[in-house]
Amino acid sequence: MIIARVEGGIGNQLFIYAAARALALRIGSSLKLDIWNAGYEEGNRYGSRYQLDEFTIEGAVADRSLVAPFMRHSRAFYWRRKIDRRLPFAWREVIEERSLFEPRLLTFKPRSLVYLVGYWQREDYFREQATAVRRELTLRRKPSEQSQEIAKHMRRCESTFVHVRRIDYEHQLSVKYYIEALGLLGEKVRRPTIFVFGDDLKWAKRELPLPSDAQFVEHNGDLRNYEDLWLMRQCRHAIIANSSFSWWGAWLNDAAGRIVIAPGAWGYRAAPATGWLCVHPLSCGVPLAR
């Protein structure tokens, strides 16, 4: 059995699920999701909540009794991790993400139950199972009528989503990034129609050189941000921010000929996916290497 600790916002949850589900598929194991160690019940800085149940996933929430030995702040779990770190990787029960990429997870064959701790923000962890992951990450419920109408429009034009992440975020991208990304898009797509998503659309309206017919998608809000993700998936092309939410909006659609423009460096462990075009203007807050 694979148990994955789920934490963070919806983008992080999707990375955790995809990596754990890929491992479960490869070894023929069941998957359980530990939401009891995420801090969702207590509230958190970003107001995150468990949202994987909005998708047709193949993984049930673990009973609290099952994850009792892995409680985040327990002394028993502290020593369990310390001991596991000294064992050969193949013998470990607790697998922690302690580096930017853990290639041993790709060939790992657990001897019994294994508990995953980490964000696993690399496409490498689930690239071979991409078809299954995309199929399972479809919405469980039909989107709102307003979202469905916007989606119809997206499918009739060279729709391109632009995503911004700004509020309470240390890795903010500069206006220069979006200027260069929009320029690159214009070289490759004839008459794109822009749909803007993000957490600070006032900033986008004020600062970004968007065409006059750009549409700002703001009807879903935080409570239905999974519908924003679904709408981003409907777009033919994408200009993404250095955000896990943005990453998934682009990755979930793998249509032939799709153009995804991404920051060349992110400021944290997530990275552009295979085949995406990278633009290198640096983020405002963090010095990133070219």
Protein backbone atom coordinates (compact mmCIF):
# COMPACT_ATOMS: atom_id res chain seq x y z
CA MET A 1 0.00 0.00 0.00
CA ILE A 2 1.11 3.55 -0.79
CA ILE A 3 0.12 6.33 1.61
CA ALA A 4 0.85 9.89 0.48
CA ARG A 5 0.72 12.87 2.79
CA VAL A 6 -1.41 15.52 1.05
CA GLU A 7 -0.64 19.17 1.85
CA GLY A 8 -0.59 22.64 0.37
CA GLY A 9 -2.92 24.18 -2.18
CA ILE A 10 -4.58 22.49 -5.10
CA GLY A 11 -1.49 22.66 -7.34
CA ASN A 12 0.70 20.99 -4.72
CA GLN A 13 -1.99 18.39 -4.04
CA LEU A 14 -2.03 17.47 -7.72
CA PHE A 15 1.75 16.97 -7.80
CA ILE A 16 1.60 14.77 -4.70
CA TYR A 17 -1.27 12.72 -6.11
CA ALA A 18 0.35 12.30 -9.53
CA ALA A 19 3.66 11.06 -8.12
CA ALA A 20 2.01 8.68 -5.65
CA ARG A 21 -0.51 7.39 -8.19
CA ALA A 22 2.26 6.77 -10.74
CA LEU A 23 4.19 4.74 -8.16
CA ALA A 24 1.04 2.79 -7.24
CA LEU A 25 0.32 2.03 -10.91
CA ARG A 26 3.88 0.91 -11.57
CA ILE A 27 3.99 -1.57 -8.68
CA GLY A 28 0.30 -2.57 -8.77
CA SER A 29 -0.52 -1.16 -5.33
CA SER A 30 -3.47 0.62 -3.76
CA LEU A 31 -3.20 4.30 -2.83
CA LYS A 32 -4.41 6.05 0.31
CA LEU A 33 -4.25 9.80 0.95
CA ASP A 34 -3.30 11.20 4.35
CA ILE A 35 -5.12 14.52 4.80
CA TRP A 36 -4.89 14.42 8.60
CA ASN A 37 -1.31 15.72 8.70
CA ALA A 38 -1.85 18.62 6.31
CA GLY A 39 -3.16 21.19 8.77
CA TYR A 40 -6.39 21.69 6.81
CA GLU A 41 -8.49 21.32 9.95
CA GLU A 42 -6.51 23.97 11.82
CA GLY A 43 -6.49 26.54 9.03
CA ASN A 44 -3.29 27.74 7.39
CA ARG A 45 -1.57 30.77 5.94
CA TYR A 46 -3.04 30.42 2.45
CA GLY A 47 -6.46 29.10 3.42
CA SER A 48 -5.73 25.80 1.66
CA ARG A 49 -8.16 22.91 1.91
CA TYR A 50 -8.32 19.38 0.59
CA GLN A 51 -9.57 19.50 -3.01
CA LEU A 52 -8.57 16.26 -4.69
CA ASP A 53 -12.10 15.01 -4.12
CA GLU A 54 -13.20 17.43 -6.86
CA PHE A 55 -11.51 15.08 -9.35
CA THR A 56 -12.14 11.48 -10.41
CA ILE A 57 -9.04 10.23 -8.61
CA GLU A 58 -8.19 6.63 -7.77
CA GLY A 59 -7.18 7.08 -4.17
CA ALA A 60 -9.28 7.08 -1.01
CA VAL A 61 -8.69 9.23 2.07
CA ALA A 62 -6.94 7.07 4.67
CA ASP A 63 -8.62 6.32 7.96
CA ARG A 64 -7.10 8.36 10.74
CA SER A 65 -6.11 5.20 12.58
CA LEU A 66 -4.06 4.05 9.56
CA VAL A 67 -1.89 7.18 9.59
CA ALA A 68 -1.57 7.40 13.39
CA PRO A 69 2.04 6.08 13.26
CA PHE A 70 2.96 8.93 10.89
CA MET A 71 1.57 11.92 12.81
CA ARG A 72 3.68 14.92 11.83
CA HIS A 73 4.69 16.17 15.28
CA SER A 74 4.86 12.86 17.15
CA ARG A 75 8.14 11.77 18.72
CA ALA A 76 7.62 8.24 17.37
CA PHE A 77 7.45 9.51 13.78
CA TYR A 78 10.52 11.68 14.36
CA TRP A 79 12.60 8.63 15.31
CA ARG A 80 11.02 6.50 12.59
CA ARG A 81 12.25 8.98 9.96
CA LYS A 82 15.72 9.16 11.53
CA ILE A 83 16.06 5.38 11.40
CA ASP A 84 14.69 5.11 7.85
CA ARG A 85 17.23 7.62 6.55
CA ARG A 86 20.01 5.22 7.57
CA LEU A 87 18.49 2.26 5.76
CA PRO A 88 19.08 1.31 2.11
CA PHE A 89 16.47 3.10 -0.01
CA ALA A 90 14.76 -0.16 -1.00
CA TRP A 91 14.14 -1.04 2.68
CA ARG A 92 12.63 2.27 3.74
CA GLU A 93 9.04 2.68 4.84
CA VAL A 94 9.08 6.49 4.99
CA ILE A 95 10.23 8.07 1.72
CA GLU A 96 11.00 11.77 2.09
CA GLU A 97 11.69 14.33 -0.59
CA ARG A 98 15.07 15.62 0.54
CA SER A 99 16.44 16.90 -2.77
CA LEU A 100 15.23 18.68 -5.91
CA PHE A 101 14.76 15.30 -7.59
CA GLU A 102 14.80 11.77 -6.18
CA PRO A 103 15.40 9.44 -9.18
CA ARG A 104 15.31 6.34 -6.96
CA LEU A 105 11.56 6.78 -6.62
CA LEU A 106 11.19 5.89 -10.33
CA THR A 107 12.46 2.34 -9.77
CA PHE A 108 11.49 1.91 -6.12
CA LYS A 109 9.78 -1.38 -5.21
CA PRO A 110 8.43 -1.19 -1.65
CA ARG A 111 8.64 -4.30 0.49
CA SER A 112 5.36 -3.48 2.24
CA LEU A 113 3.57 -0.27 3.18
CA VAL A 114 5.33 2.97 2.18
CA TYR A 115 4.60 6.53 3.35
CA LEU A 116 5.49 9.41 1.00
CA VAL A 117 6.36 12.87 2.37
CA GLY A 118 7.06 15.67 -0.09
CA TYR A 119 5.67 17.84 -2.87
CA TRP A 120 7.26 15.84 -5.75
CA GLN A 121 7.11 18.78 -8.17
CA ARG A 122 8.72 17.10 -11.16
CA GLU A 123 7.03 15.71 -14.25
CA ASP A 124 9.63 12.91 -14.22
CA TYR A 125 7.79 11.19 -11.37
CA PHE A 126 4.69 10.54 -13.48
CA ARG A 127 5.65 11.08 -17.14
CA GLU A 128 5.30 7.38 -17.98
CA GLN A 129 1.79 7.31 -16.47
CA ALA A 130 0.75 10.69 -17.92
CA THR A 131 -2.25 9.33 -19.82
CA ALA A 132 -3.76 7.77 -16.70
CA VAL A 133 -3.04 10.84 -14.57
CA ARG A 134 -4.68 13.20 -17.07
CA ARG A 135 -7.71 10.93 -17.33
CA GLU A 136 -8.16 10.77 -13.57
CA LEU A 137 -7.74 14.52 -13.07
CA THR A 138 -11.04 15.38 -14.70
CA LEU A 139 -13.76 17.10 -12.70
CA ARG A 140 -16.16 14.89 -10.79
CA ARG A 141 -19.02 17.38 -11.22
CA LYS A 142 -20.14 19.40 -14.22
CA PRO A 143 -18.75 22.98 -14.22
CA SER A 144 -21.09 25.94 -13.78
CA GLU A 145 -23.05 27.19 -16.77
CA GLN A 146 -20.91 30.33 -16.89
CA SER A 147 -17.73 28.26 -17.05
CA GLN A 148 -19.22 26.05 -19.75
CA GLU A 149 -20.11 29.10 -21.88
CA ILE A 150 -16.57 30.46 -21.56
CA ALA A 151 -15.20 27.03 -22.49
CA LYS A 152 -17.29 27.01 -25.69
CA HIS A 153 -15.74 30.32 -26.69
CA MET A 154 -12.27 29.00 -25.90
CA ARG A 155 -12.74 26.03 -28.21
CA ARG A 156 -13.77 28.26 -31.14
CA CYS A 157 -10.65 30.47 -31.22
CA GLU A 158 -6.89 30.44 -30.69
CA SER A 159 -7.50 30.72 -26.95
CA THR A 160 -4.49 31.38 -24.73
CA PHE A 161 -4.60 31.65 -20.98
CA VAL A 162 -2.31 34.03 -19.15
CA HIS A 163 -1.90 33.28 -15.45
CA VAL A 164 -0.55 35.62 -12.77
CA ARG A 165 0.43 34.80 -9.19
CA ARG A 166 1.09 37.83 -7.01
CA ILE A 167 -0.55 37.97 -3.58
CA ASP A 168 1.56 36.93 -0.58
CA TYR A 169 4.08 35.35 -2.98
CA GLU A 170 7.83 35.88 -2.88
CA HIS A 171 8.55 34.63 -6.42
CA GLN A 172 6.60 37.29 -8.34
CA LEU A 173 7.37 37.51 -12.04
CA SER A 174 8.16 40.86 -13.61
CA VAL A 175 6.09 42.69 -16.20
CA LYS A 176 9.06 42.12 -18.52
CA TYR A 177 8.43 38.38 -18.46
CA TYR A 178 4.85 38.81 -19.62
CA ILE A 179 5.86 41.33 -22.31
CA GLU A 180 8.40 38.91 -23.77
CA ALA A 181 6.04 35.95 -23.44
CA LEU A 182 3.24 37.79 -25.23
CA GLY A 183 5.70 38.80 -27.95
CA LEU A 184 6.80 35.20 -28.42
CA LEU A 185 3.18 34.07 -28.55
CA GLY A 186 2.46 36.65 -31.26
CA GLU A 187 5.26 35.21 -33.38
CA LYS A 188 3.81 31.72 -33.20
CA VAL A 189 0.03 32.12 -33.00
CA ARG A 190 -2.04 34.18 -35.42
CA ARG A 191 -4.62 36.33 -33.64
CA PRO A 192 -4.63 34.68 -30.20
CA THR A 193 -7.54 35.39 -27.88
CA ILE A 194 -6.33 36.05 -24.33
CA PHE A 195 -8.07 34.78 -21.17
CA VAL A 196 -6.50 36.03 -17.95
CA PHE A 197 -6.54 34.05 -14.68
CA GLY A 198 -4.88 34.69 -11.35
CA ASP A 199 -5.02 36.01 -7.83
CA ASP A 200 -4.48 39.69 -8.69
CA LEU A 201 -6.39 40.58 -11.82
CA LYS A 202 -6.36 44.27 -10.85
CA TRP A 203 -2.58 44.20 -11.23
CA ALA A 204 -2.89 42.40 -14.57
CA LYS A 205 -5.40 44.97 -15.88
CA ARG A 206 -3.18 47.84 -14.74
CA GLU A 207 0.29 46.60 -15.65
CA LEU A 208 0.17 44.10 -18.50
CA PRO A 209 0.08 45.18 -22.17
CA LEU A 210 -2.89 42.98 -23.04
CA PRO A 211 -5.06 43.35 -26.15
CA SER A 212 -8.32 45.25 -25.74
CA ASP A 213 -10.39 42.09 -26.20
CA ALA A 214 -8.60 40.18 -23.41
CA GLN A 215 -11.10 38.49 -21.08
CA PHE A 216 -10.56 38.34 -17.33
CA VAL A 217 -11.93 35.18 -15.73
CA GLU A 218 -12.95 36.09 -12.20
CA HIS A 219 -16.32 34.46 -11.51
CA ASN A 220 -15.05 31.33 -9.75
CA GLY A 221 -12.94 32.76 -6.94
CA ASP A 222 -11.09 30.64 -4.36
CA LEU A 223 -14.06 28.40 -3.63
CA ARG A 224 -14.22 27.07 -7.21
CA ASN A 225 -10.62 27.47 -8.34
CA TYR A 226 -10.76 23.90 -9.67
CA GLU A 227 -13.12 25.26 -12.34
CA ASP A 228 -10.48 27.82 -13.27
CA LEU A 229 -8.09 24.90 -13.67
CA TRP A 230 -10.62 23.16 -15.90
CA LEU A 231 -11.03 26.31 -18.02
CA MET A 232 -7.26 26.73 -18.37
CA ARG A 233 -7.19 23.17 -19.62
CA GLN A 234 -9.63 24.09 -22.41
CA CYS A 235 -7.32 26.75 -23.85
CA ARG A 236 -5.23 25.88 -26.89
CA HIS A 237 -2.13 27.72 -25.65
CA ALA A 238 -0.76 29.08 -22.37
CA ILE A 239 1.50 31.68 -20.79
CA ILE A 240 2.06 30.47 -17.27
CA ALA A 241 3.46 31.88 -14.06
CA ASN A 242 5.96 30.12 -11.79
CA SER A 243 3.05 28.58 -9.91
CA SER A 244 2.07 24.95 -9.41
CA PHE A 245 -1.56 25.85 -10.16
CA SER A 246 -0.50 27.47 -13.41
CA TRP A 247 1.71 24.47 -14.24
CA TRP A 248 -1.24 22.08 -14.00
CA GLY A 249 -3.51 24.31 -16.06
CA ALA A 250 -1.02 23.93 -18.90
CA TRP A 251 0.06 20.30 -18.41
CA LEU A 252 -3.41 18.78 -18.26
CA ASN A 253 -4.02 19.65 -21.91
CA ASP A 254 -1.58 17.77 -24.15
CA ALA A 255 -3.20 18.58 -27.50
CA ALA A 256 -0.90 18.39 -30.53
CA GLY A 257 0.50 21.76 -31.57
CA ARG A 258 -0.08 23.36 -28.20
CA ILE A 259 2.31 26.16 -27.22
CA VAL A 260 3.11 26.67 -23.55
CA ILE A 261 5.37 29.57 -22.61
CA ALA A 262 6.91 29.30 -19.14
CA PRO A 263 9.53 31.09 -17.02
CA GLY A 264 12.94 29.56 -17.64
CA ALA A 265 13.63 29.48 -13.89
CA TRP A 266 11.09 29.38 -11.10
CA GLY A 267 12.79 30.24 -7.84
CA TYR A 268 11.78 26.93 -6.25
CA ARG A 269 11.88 23.23 -7.06
CA ALA A 270 9.11 23.01 -9.70
CA ALA A 271 10.25 23.27 -13.31
CA PRO A 272 8.78 23.63 -16.82
CA ALA A 273 7.57 20.43 -18.45
CA THR A 274 9.12 18.73 -21.43
CA GLY A 275 8.61 20.66 -24.67
CA TRP A 276 7.51 23.96 -23.14
CA LEU A 277 9.08 27.19 -24.41
CA CYS A 278 11.03 29.05 -21.75
CA VAL A 279 11.43 32.81 -21.39
CA HIS A 280 14.17 34.07 -19.12
CA PRO A 281 13.35 37.53 -17.68
CA LEU A 282 14.01 37.14 -13.99
CA SER A 283 11.40 37.24 -11.27
CA CYS A 284 11.35 40.44 -9.25
CA GLY A 285 12.04 38.98 -5.84
CA VAL A 286 14.51 36.16 -6.36
CA PRO A 287 17.82 36.17 -8.31
CA LEU A 288 17.51 33.21 -10.67
CA ALA A 289 20.27 31.79 -12.85
CA ARG A 290 19.79 31.68 -16.58
